[in-house]
Amino acid sequence: MATAFTLRLGASPATTLSCPMAGRTLLQRWHADNEVGADWLMTSLSTSPLMVSLVEAASSLPVFLLSLAAGALADVVDRRRLLLFTQCWMLIAAAGLGFLTVAGLTTPWGLLGFTFLLNIGTALNGPAWQAIVPELVANDKIPSAVALNSVGFNIARSVGPAVGGLIVARFGSGTVFLLNAASFLAIIVLLARWRRTSRKSVLPAERVLGAMRAGIRYVRYAITVRHVFVRTALFICLQVLFGGCWQSWPDRALGWPRQAMAFS
């Protein structure tokens, strides 16, 4: 994906990497593939629709629980270091699940545990990644960068499951998990080479709890933002409920093979 945006790497301003959003698109695509692999694997490990639905819960619960704290953390600590930490966290979780799956040692509850751990990293990673967009592009390019970010997300969510399904059907879930781990390694290399421009603040240092309270206060009094939050919350709740029920629908209603749940 070629764009006019550049991410400065290393000490030399001349050293640049085209399309800083490509890393996020890669990450989102393989994360979507990972969800397909987890759904498929659970259908092979358990015959219970509840266990298949719990994969969706294990994916969504960390985001629900940690989003506020993650946003505050992204404002308080160095974002580059936070992103390196979350990427390493997800790399370890994805690689651990991949190796256990290839070795045939994954259990239903183990799969749920690794899925939960992986999405803890996703929850902590998201706000910091969104917040670095103004550091990657000029001010007049921020609207286009945000739009590109959204387009990349939707493309990844659409194409990822289809590609993941093909890989799972051909090579198995373990391969998808290991490819997901490799995608984190690529982002870690990119972040390690990125040199942020230091910005000194004249304001006193803020703590995470204080930043969380400030965020809640802002949403409380900003009517437009509050409306966006309400609509987003309703969408996410319906998505999680529908996703959990939909996973068991092909098997129960249509009599399709249980592996069809992974593609539903």
C-alpha atoms as a PDB file:
ATOM      1  CA  MET A   1       0.000   0.000   0.000  1.00  0.00           C
ATOM      2  CA  ALA A   2       1.810   3.096  -1.213  1.00  0.00           C
ATOM      3  CA  THR A   3       0.950   6.459   0.307  1.00  0.00           C
ATOM      4  CA  ALA A   4       2.582   9.822   0.737  1.00  0.00           C
ATOM      5  CA  PHE A   5       2.997   9.299   4.469  1.00  0.00           C
ATOM      6  CA  THR A   6       6.412   8.454   5.915  1.00  0.00           C
ATOM      7  CA  LEU A   7       7.682   7.202   9.246  1.00  0.00           C
ATOM      8  CA  ARG A   8      11.145   8.432  10.159  1.00  0.00           C
ATOM      9  CA  LEU A   9      13.506   5.686  11.233  1.00  0.00           C
ATOM     10  CA  GLY A  10      16.918   5.803  12.847  1.00  0.00           C
ATOM     11  CA  ALA A  11      18.846   8.957  13.533  1.00  0.00           C
ATOM     12  CA  SER A  12      18.875  10.283   9.985  1.00  0.00           C
ATOM     13  CA  PRO A  13      15.799  12.187   8.786  1.00  0.00           C
ATOM     14  CA  ALA A  14      16.536  10.959   5.300  1.00  0.00           C
ATOM     15  CA  THR A  15      15.910   7.386   6.313  1.00  0.00           C
ATOM     16  CA  THR A  16      12.192   6.843   5.875  1.00  0.00           C
ATOM     17  CA  LEU A  17       9.714   4.018   5.508  1.00  0.00           C
ATOM     18  CA  SER A  18       6.728   4.459   3.206  1.00  0.00           C
ATOM     19  CA  CYS A  19       3.190   4.071   4.573  1.00  0.00           C
ATOM     20  CA  PRO A  20       3.394   3.961   8.356  1.00  0.00           C
ATOM     21  CA  MET A  21      -0.145   2.600   8.407  1.00  0.00           C
ATOM     22  CA  ALA A  22       0.982  -0.567   6.606  1.00  0.00           C
ATOM     23  CA  GLY A  23       2.248  -2.009   9.874  1.00  0.00           C
ATOM     24  CA  ARG A  24      -1.136  -1.541  11.511  1.00  0.00           C
ATOM     25  CA  THR A  25      -2.938  -3.062   8.510  1.00  0.00           C
ATOM     26  CA  LEU A  26      -0.609  -6.075   8.621  1.00  0.00           C
ATOM     27  CA  LEU A  27      -1.214  -6.458  12.343  1.00  0.00           C
ATOM     28  CA  GLN A  28      -4.998  -6.209  11.989  1.00  0.00           C
ATOM     29  CA  ARG A  29      -5.121  -8.658   9.127  1.00  0.00           C
ATOM     30  CA  TRP A  30      -3.185 -11.383  10.931  1.00  0.00           C
ATOM     31  CA  HIS A  31      -5.142 -10.709  14.116  1.00  0.00           C
ATOM     32  CA  ALA A  32      -8.336 -11.405  12.159  1.00  0.00           C
ATOM     33  CA  ASP A  33      -6.701 -14.566  10.801  1.00  0.00           C
ATOM     34  CA  ASN A  34      -5.852 -15.543  14.380  1.00  0.00           C
ATOM     35  CA  GLU A  35      -9.529 -15.310  15.383  1.00  0.00           C
ATOM     36  CA  VAL A  36     -10.474 -17.684  12.563  1.00  0.00           C
ATOM     37  CA  GLY A  37      -7.754 -20.088  13.669  1.00  0.00           C
ATOM     38  CA  ALA A  38      -8.953 -19.952  17.283  1.00  0.00           C
ATOM     39  CA  ASP A  39     -12.586 -20.586  16.283  1.00  0.00           C
ATOM     40  CA  TRP A  40     -11.586 -23.487  14.052  1.00  0.00           C
ATOM     41  CA  LEU A  41      -9.344 -25.022  16.684  1.00  0.00           C
ATOM     42  CA  MET A  42     -12.030 -24.792  19.366  1.00  0.00           C
ATOM     43  CA  THR A  43     -14.467 -26.703  17.139  1.00  0.00           C
ATOM     44  CA  SER A  44     -11.847 -29.462  16.965  1.00  0.00           C
ATOM     45  CA  LEU A  45     -11.211 -29.483  20.715  1.00  0.00           C
ATOM     46  CA  SER A  46     -14.789 -29.255  22.016  1.00  0.00           C
ATOM     47  CA  THR A  47     -18.271 -30.123  20.820  1.00  0.00           C
ATOM     48  CA  SER A  48     -19.856 -27.500  23.079  1.00  0.00           C
ATOM     49  CA  PRO A  49     -21.267 -24.378  21.369  1.00  0.00           C
ATOM     50  CA  LEU A  50     -20.641 -22.593  24.679  1.00  0.00           C
ATOM     51  CA  MET A  51     -16.888 -23.143  24.400  1.00  0.00           C
ATOM     52  CA  VAL A  52     -16.889 -21.827  20.828  1.00  0.00           C
ATOM     53  CA  SER A  53     -18.827 -18.755  21.976  1.00  0.00           C
ATOM     54  CA  LEU A  54     -16.355 -18.216  24.823  1.00  0.00           C
ATOM     55  CA  VAL A  55     -13.627 -17.632  22.225  1.00  0.00           C
ATOM     56  CA  GLU A  56     -15.523 -14.486  21.238  1.00  0.00           C
ATOM     57  CA  ALA A  57     -15.843 -13.521  24.907  1.00  0.00           C
ATOM     58  CA  ALA A  58     -12.119 -14.067  25.529  1.00  0.00           C
ATOM     59  CA  SER A  59     -11.372 -11.815  22.548  1.00  0.00           C
ATOM     60  CA  SER A  60     -13.704  -8.977  23.581  1.00  0.00           C
ATOM     61  CA  LEU A  61     -13.515  -8.930  27.389  1.00  0.00           C
ATOM     62  CA  PRO A  62      -9.977  -7.477  27.702  1.00  0.00           C
ATOM     63  CA  VAL A  63     -10.915  -4.547  25.454  1.00  0.00           C
ATOM     64  CA  PHE A  64     -14.030  -3.897  27.552  1.00  0.00           C
ATOM     65  CA  LEU A  65     -12.105  -4.041  30.828  1.00  0.00           C
ATOM     66  CA  LEU A  66      -8.888  -2.247  29.904  1.00  0.00           C
ATOM     67  CA  SER A  67      -9.731   0.383  27.275  1.00  0.00           C
ATOM     68  CA  LEU A  68     -10.052   3.261  29.747  1.00  0.00           C
ATOM     69  CA  ALA A  69      -6.841   2.380  31.588  1.00  0.00           C
ATOM     70  CA  ALA A  70      -5.037   1.785  28.285  1.00  0.00           C
ATOM     71  CA  GLY A  71      -6.027   5.229  27.009  1.00  0.00           C
ATOM     72  CA  ALA A  72      -4.786   6.867  30.195  1.00  0.00           C
ATOM     73  CA  LEU A  73      -1.566   4.862  30.045  1.00  0.00           C
ATOM     74  CA  ALA A  74      -0.952   5.994  26.476  1.00  0.00           C
ATOM     75  CA  ASP A  75      -1.130   9.620  27.663  1.00  0.00           C
ATOM     76  CA  VAL A  76       1.157   9.140  30.657  1.00  0.00           C
ATOM     77  CA  VAL A  77       4.014   6.872  29.540  1.00  0.00           C
ATOM     78  CA  ASP A  78       6.299   6.896  26.500  1.00  0.00           C
ATOM     79  CA  ARG A  79       4.133   5.539  23.684  1.00  0.00           C
ATOM     80  CA  ARG A  80       6.982   3.949  21.766  1.00  0.00           C
ATOM     81  CA  ARG A  81       8.039   1.929  24.805  1.00  0.00           C
ATOM     82  CA  LEU A  82       4.435   1.020  25.563  1.00  0.00           C
ATOM     83  CA  LEU A  83       3.939  -0.196  21.997  1.00  0.00           C
ATOM     84  CA  LEU A  84       7.149  -2.221  22.136  1.00  0.00           C
ATOM     85  CA  PHE A  85       5.927  -3.816  25.374  1.00  0.00           C
ATOM     86  CA  THR A  86       2.476  -4.677  23.991  1.00  0.00           C
ATOM     87  CA  GLN A  87       3.909  -6.038  20.746  1.00  0.00           C
ATOM     88  CA  CYS A  88       6.343  -8.251  22.675  1.00  0.00           C
ATOM     89  CA  TRP A  89       3.478  -9.388  24.923  1.00  0.00           C
ATOM     90  CA  MET A  90       1.359 -10.374  21.902  1.00  0.00           C
ATOM     91  CA  LEU A  91       4.340 -12.000  20.199  1.00  0.00           C
ATOM     92  CA  ILE A  92       4.919 -14.260  23.221  1.00  0.00           C
ATOM     93  CA  ALA A  93       1.212 -15.113  23.549  1.00  0.00           C
ATOM     94  CA  ALA A  94       0.755 -15.866  19.840  1.00  0.00           C
ATOM     95  CA  ALA A  95       3.997 -17.848  19.573  1.00  0.00           C
ATOM     96  CA  GLY A  96       3.199 -19.849  22.717  1.00  0.00           C
ATOM     97  CA  LEU A  97      -0.242 -20.745  21.393  1.00  0.00           C
ATOM     98  CA  GLY A  98       1.224 -21.575  17.984  1.00  0.00           C
ATOM     99  CA  PHE A  99       3.911 -23.929  19.289  1.00  0.00           C
ATOM    100  CA  LEU A 100       1.482 -25.677  21.658  1.00  0.00           C
ATOM    101  CA  THR A 101      -1.014 -26.133  18.828  1.00  0.00           C
ATOM    102  CA  VAL A 102       1.593 -27.501  16.417  1.00  0.00           C
ATOM    103  CA  ALA A 103       2.700 -29.912  19.157  1.00  0.00           C
ATOM    104  CA  GLY A 104      -0.913 -30.988  19.742  1.00  0.00           C
ATOM    105  CA  LEU A 105      -0.879 -29.841  23.387  1.00  0.00           C
ATOM    106  CA  THR A 106      -3.564 -27.137  23.287  1.00  0.00           C
ATOM    107  CA  THR A 107      -6.662 -27.712  25.442  1.00  0.00           C
ATOM    108  CA  PRO A 108      -9.987 -25.808  25.232  1.00  0.00           C
ATOM    109  CA  TRP A 109      -9.258 -23.823  28.391  1.00  0.00           C
ATOM    110  CA  GLY A 110      -5.674 -23.286  27.317  1.00  0.00           C
ATOM    111  CA  LEU A 111      -6.900 -21.847  24.031  1.00  0.00           C
ATOM    112  CA  LEU A 112      -9.245 -19.498  25.896  1.00  0.00           C
ATOM    113  CA  GLY A 113      -6.421 -18.450  28.220  1.00  0.00           C
ATOM    114  CA  PHE A 114      -4.006 -17.641  25.407  1.00  0.00           C
ATOM    115  CA  THR A 115      -6.753 -15.825  23.478  1.00  0.00           C
ATOM    116  CA  PHE A 116      -7.466 -13.721  26.575  1.00  0.00           C
ATOM    117  CA  LEU A 117      -3.759 -12.940  27.067  1.00  0.00           C
ATOM    118  CA  LEU A 118      -3.327 -12.027  23.410  1.00  0.00           C
ATOM    119  CA  ASN A 119      -6.242  -9.603  23.543  1.00  0.00           C
ATOM    120  CA  ILE A 120      -4.941  -7.986  26.740  1.00  0.00           C
ATOM    121  CA  GLY A 121      -2.055  -6.880  24.547  1.00  0.00           C
ATOM    122  CA  THR A 122      -4.509  -5.752  21.868  1.00  0.00           C
ATOM    123  CA  ALA A 123      -6.450  -3.666  24.396  1.00  0.00           C
ATOM    124  CA  LEU A 124      -3.319  -1.960  25.723  1.00  0.00           C
ATOM    125  CA  ASN A 125      -1.894  -1.468  22.240  1.00  0.00           C
ATOM    126  CA  GLY A 126      -4.889   0.187  20.542  1.00  0.00           C
ATOM    127  CA  PRO A 127      -5.044   3.644  22.175  1.00  0.00           C
ATOM    128  CA  ALA A 128      -1.280   4.175  22.003  1.00  0.00           C
ATOM    129  CA  TRP A 129      -1.215   3.227  18.329  1.00  0.00           C
ATOM    130  CA  GLN A 130      -4.072   5.599  17.525  1.00  0.00           C
ATOM    131  CA  ALA A 131      -2.349   8.375  19.477  1.00  0.00           C
ATOM    132  CA  ILE A 132       0.918   8.232  17.499  1.00  0.00           C
ATOM    133  CA  VAL A 133      -0.784   9.130  14.200  1.00  0.00           C
ATOM    134  CA  PRO A 134      -0.150  12.903  14.690  1.00  0.00           C
ATOM    135  CA  GLU A 135       3.540  12.099  15.258  1.00  0.00           C
ATOM    136  CA  LEU A 136       3.806  10.248  11.947  1.00  0.00           C
ATOM    137  CA  VAL A 137       2.274  12.804   9.594  1.00  0.00           C
ATOM    138  CA  ALA A 138       2.061  16.558   9.162  1.00  0.00           C
ATOM    139  CA  ASN A 139      -0.899  18.350  10.743  1.00  0.00           C
ATOM    140  CA  ASP A 140      -2.643  18.904   7.415  1.00  0.00           C
ATOM    141  CA  LYS A 141      -2.381  15.177   6.662  1.00  0.00           C
ATOM    142  CA  ILE A 142      -3.955  13.962   9.941  1.00  0.00           C
ATOM    143  CA  PRO A 143      -7.544  13.658   8.581  1.00  0.00           C
ATOM    144  CA  SER A 144      -6.274  11.598   5.634  1.00  0.00           C
ATOM    145  CA  ALA A 145      -4.129   9.459   7.940  1.00  0.00           C
ATOM    146  CA  VAL A 146      -7.071   8.754  10.249  1.00  0.00           C
ATOM    147  CA  ALA A 147      -9.227   7.865   7.232  1.00  0.00           C
ATOM    148  CA  LEU A 148      -6.481   5.584   5.903  1.00  0.00           C
ATOM    149  CA  ASN A 149      -6.246   3.936   9.317  1.00  0.00           C
ATOM    150  CA  SER A 150      -9.984   3.222   9.278  1.00  0.00           C
ATOM    151  CA  VAL A 151      -9.882   1.911   5.725  1.00  0.00           C
ATOM    152  CA  GLY A 152      -6.986  -0.381   6.611  1.00  0.00           C
ATOM    153  CA  PHE A 153      -8.878  -1.678   9.627  1.00  0.00           C
ATOM    154  CA  ASN A 154     -12.003  -2.512   7.617  1.00  0.00           C
ATOM    155  CA  ILE A 155     -10.037  -4.107   4.789  1.00  0.00           C
ATOM    156  CA  ALA A 156      -8.109  -6.219   7.293  1.00  0.00           C
ATOM    157  CA  ARG A 157     -11.318  -7.316   9.037  1.00  0.00           C
ATOM    158  CA  SER A 158     -12.857  -8.266   5.668  1.00  0.00           C
ATOM    159  CA  VAL A 159      -9.907  -9.944   3.958  1.00  0.00           C
ATOM    160  CA  GLY A 160      -8.239 -11.406   7.050  1.00  0.00           C
ATOM    161  CA  PRO A 161     -10.837 -14.062   7.931  1.00  0.00           C
ATOM    162  CA  ALA A 162     -11.019 -15.271   4.315  1.00  0.00           C
ATOM    163  CA  VAL A 163      -7.246 -15.598   4.029  1.00  0.00           C
ATOM    164  CA  GLY A 164      -7.077 -17.105   7.519  1.00  0.00           C
ATOM    165  CA  GLY A 165      -9.712 -19.673   6.601  1.00  0.00           C
ATOM    166  CA  LEU A 166      -7.723 -20.779   3.565  1.00  0.00           C
ATOM    167  CA  ILE A 167      -4.519 -21.086   5.596  1.00  0.00           C
ATOM    168  CA  VAL A 168      -6.271 -22.982   8.392  1.00  0.00           C
ATOM    169  CA  ALA A 169      -7.898 -25.380   5.925  1.00  0.00           C
ATOM    170  CA  ARG A 170      -4.571 -26.059   4.223  1.00  0.00           C
ATOM    171  CA  PHE A 171      -2.004 -25.925   7.036  1.00  0.00           C
ATOM    172  CA  GLY A 172      -3.919 -25.889  10.328  1.00  0.00           C
ATOM    173  CA  SER A 173      -4.531 -23.395  13.112  1.00  0.00           C
ATOM    174  CA  GLY A 174      -0.986 -23.630  14.468  1.00  0.00           C
ATOM    175  CA  THR A 175       0.408 -22.100  11.268  1.00  0.00           C
ATOM    176  CA  VAL A 176      -1.972 -19.154  11.534  1.00  0.00           C
ATOM    177  CA  PHE A 177      -0.931 -18.524  15.145  1.00  0.00           C
ATOM    178  CA  LEU A 178       2.763 -18.597  14.218  1.00  0.00           C
ATOM    179  CA  LEU A 179       2.226 -16.252  11.263  1.00  0.00           C
ATOM    180  CA  ASN A 180       0.411 -13.918  13.635  1.00  0.00           C
ATOM    181  CA  ALA A 181       3.445 -14.027  15.933  1.00  0.00           C
ATOM    182  CA  ALA A 182       5.719 -13.217  12.982  1.00  0.00           C
ATOM    183  CA  SER A 183       3.609 -10.143  12.181  1.00  0.00           C
ATOM    184  CA  PHE A 184       4.266  -8.817  15.701  1.00  0.00           C
ATOM    185  CA  LEU A 185       7.990  -9.349  15.171  1.00  0.00           C
ATOM    186  CA  ALA A 186       7.852  -7.180  12.046  1.00  0.00           C
ATOM    187  CA  ILE A 187       6.137  -4.368  13.965  1.00  0.00           C
ATOM    188  CA  ILE A 188       8.664  -4.661  16.811  1.00  0.00           C
ATOM    189  CA  VAL A 189      11.535  -4.138  14.340  1.00  0.00           C
ATOM    190  CA  LEU A 190       9.785  -1.091  12.878  1.00  0.00           C
ATOM    191  CA  LEU A 191       9.127   0.428  16.310  1.00  0.00           C
ATOM    192  CA  ALA A 192      12.666  -0.292  17.503  1.00  0.00           C
ATOM    193  CA  ARG A 193      14.047   1.725  14.578  1.00  0.00           C
ATOM    194  CA  TRP A 194      11.631   4.605  15.062  1.00  0.00           C
ATOM    195  CA  ARG A 195      13.091   7.654  16.783  1.00  0.00           C
ATOM    196  CA  ARG A 196      10.394   9.850  18.307  1.00  0.00           C
ATOM    197  CA  THR A 197      10.876  13.598  18.503  1.00  0.00           C
ATOM    198  CA  SER A 198      11.034  14.425  22.206  1.00  0.00           C
ATOM    199  CA  ARG A 199       8.468  16.947  23.386  1.00  0.00           C
ATOM    200  CA  LYS A 200       8.884  18.720  26.694  1.00  0.00           C
ATOM    201  CA  SER A 201       5.701  19.531  28.571  1.00  0.00           C
ATOM    202  CA  VAL A 202       5.347  22.516  30.866  1.00  0.00           C
ATOM    203  CA  LEU A 203       2.530  20.749  32.713  1.00  0.00           C
ATOM    204  CA  PRO A 204       3.201  18.582  35.788  1.00  0.00           C
ATOM    205  CA  ALA A 205       3.427  14.815  35.307  1.00  0.00           C
ATOM    206  CA  GLU A 206       0.052  13.076  35.311  1.00  0.00           C
ATOM    207  CA  ARG A 207      -0.760   9.749  36.927  1.00  0.00           C
ATOM    208  CA  VAL A 208      -2.819   6.979  35.322  1.00  0.00           C
ATOM    209  CA  LEU A 209      -5.727   7.252  37.781  1.00  0.00           C
ATOM    210  CA  GLY A 210      -5.809  11.020  37.377  1.00  0.00           C
ATOM    211  CA  ALA A 211      -5.830  10.666  33.587  1.00  0.00           C
ATOM    212  CA  MET A 212      -8.700   8.170  33.828  1.00  0.00           C
ATOM    213  CA  ARG A 213     -10.737  10.567  35.965  1.00  0.00           C
ATOM    214  CA  ALA A 214     -10.011  13.409  33.544  1.00  0.00           C
ATOM    215  CA  GLY A 215     -11.141  11.256  30.619  1.00  0.00           C
ATOM    216  CA  ILE A 216     -14.400  10.316  32.318  1.00  0.00           C
ATOM    217  CA  ARG A 217     -15.006  13.976  33.203  1.00  0.00           C
ATOM    218  CA  TYR A 218     -14.406  15.021  29.594  1.00  0.00           C
ATOM    219  CA  VAL A 219     -16.810  12.440  28.184  1.00  0.00           C
ATOM    220  CA  ARG A 220     -19.392  13.386  30.796  1.00  0.00           C
ATOM    221  CA  TYR A 221     -19.522  17.023  29.688  1.00  0.00           C
ATOM    222  CA  ALA A 222     -18.753  16.643  25.969  1.00  0.00           C
ATOM    223  CA  ILE A 223     -22.184  15.828  24.535  1.00  0.00           C
ATOM    224  CA  THR A 224     -20.967  14.947  21.043  1.00  0.00           C
ATOM    225  CA  VAL A 225     -18.311  12.571  22.352  1.00  0.00           C
ATOM    226  CA  ARG A 226     -20.809  11.037  24.767  1.00  0.00           C
ATOM    227  CA  HIS A 227     -23.191  10.260  21.908  1.00  0.00           C
ATOM    228  CA  VAL A 228     -20.372   8.587  19.981  1.00  0.00           C
ATOM    229  CA  PHE A 229     -19.505   6.489  23.042  1.00  0.00           C
ATOM    230  CA  VAL A 230     -23.116   5.377  23.527  1.00  0.00           C
ATOM    231  CA  ARG A 231     -23.497   4.334  19.885  1.00  0.00           C
ATOM    232  CA  THR A 232     -20.146   2.530  19.950  1.00  0.00           C
ATOM    233  CA  ALA A 233     -21.031   0.700  23.175  1.00  0.00           C
ATOM    234  CA  LEU A 234     -24.362  -0.457  21.737  1.00  0.00           C
ATOM    235  CA  PHE A 235     -22.659  -1.662  18.562  1.00  0.00           C
ATOM    236  CA  ILE A 236     -19.971  -3.570  20.453  1.00  0.00           C
ATOM    237  CA  CYS A 237     -22.492  -5.234  22.796  1.00  0.00           C
ATOM    238  CA  LEU A 238     -24.636  -6.360  19.867  1.00  0.00           C
ATOM    239  CA  GLN A 239     -21.561  -7.508  17.942  1.00  0.00           C
ATOM    240  CA  VAL A 240     -20.348  -9.662  20.818  1.00  0.00           C
ATOM    241  CA  LEU A 241     -23.799 -11.170  21.454  1.00  0.00           C
ATOM    242  CA  PHE A 242     -24.439 -11.800  17.764  1.00  0.00           C
ATOM    243  CA  GLY A 243     -20.936 -13.178  17.221  1.00  0.00           C
ATOM    244  CA  GLY A 244     -21.263 -15.657  20.071  1.00  0.00           C
ATOM    245  CA  CYS A 245     -24.645 -16.925  18.845  1.00  0.00           C
ATOM    246  CA  TRP A 246     -23.615 -16.938  15.193  1.00  0.00           C
ATOM    247  CA  GLN A 247     -20.659 -19.217  15.849  1.00  0.00           C
ATOM    248  CA  SER A 248     -22.975 -22.132  16.670  1.00  0.00           C
ATOM    249  CA  TRP A 249     -25.639 -21.387  14.058  1.00  0.00           C
ATOM    250  CA  PRO A 250     -24.157 -23.234  10.994  1.00  0.00           C
ATOM    251  CA  ASP A 251     -23.948 -26.497  12.952  1.00  0.00           C
ATOM    252  CA  ARG A 252     -27.345 -26.348  14.675  1.00  0.00           C
ATOM    253  CA  ALA A 253     -29.553 -24.703  12.057  1.00  0.00           C
ATOM    254  CA  LEU A 254     -27.959 -25.779   8.779  1.00  0.00           C
ATOM    255  CA  GLY A 255     -26.303 -29.054   9.702  1.00  0.00           C
ATOM    256  CA  TRP A 256     -22.973 -27.881   8.287  1.00  0.00           C
ATOM    257  CA  PRO A 257     -19.696 -29.374   9.567  1.00  0.00           C
ATOM    258  CA  ARG A 258     -18.653 -27.906  12.908  1.00  0.00           C
ATOM    259  CA  GLN A 259     -15.564 -26.374  11.280  1.00  0.00           C
ATOM    260  CA  ALA A 260     -17.921 -24.100   9.323  1.00  0.00           C
ATOM    261  CA  MET A 261     -18.311 -22.128  12.586  1.00  0.00           C
ATOM    262  CA  ALA A 262     -14.828 -20.753  12.050  1.00  0.00           C
ATOM    263  CA  PHE A 263     -15.927 -19.065   8.821  1.00  0.00           C
ATOM    264  CA  SER A 264     -19.298 -17.809  10.068  1.00  0.00           C
END
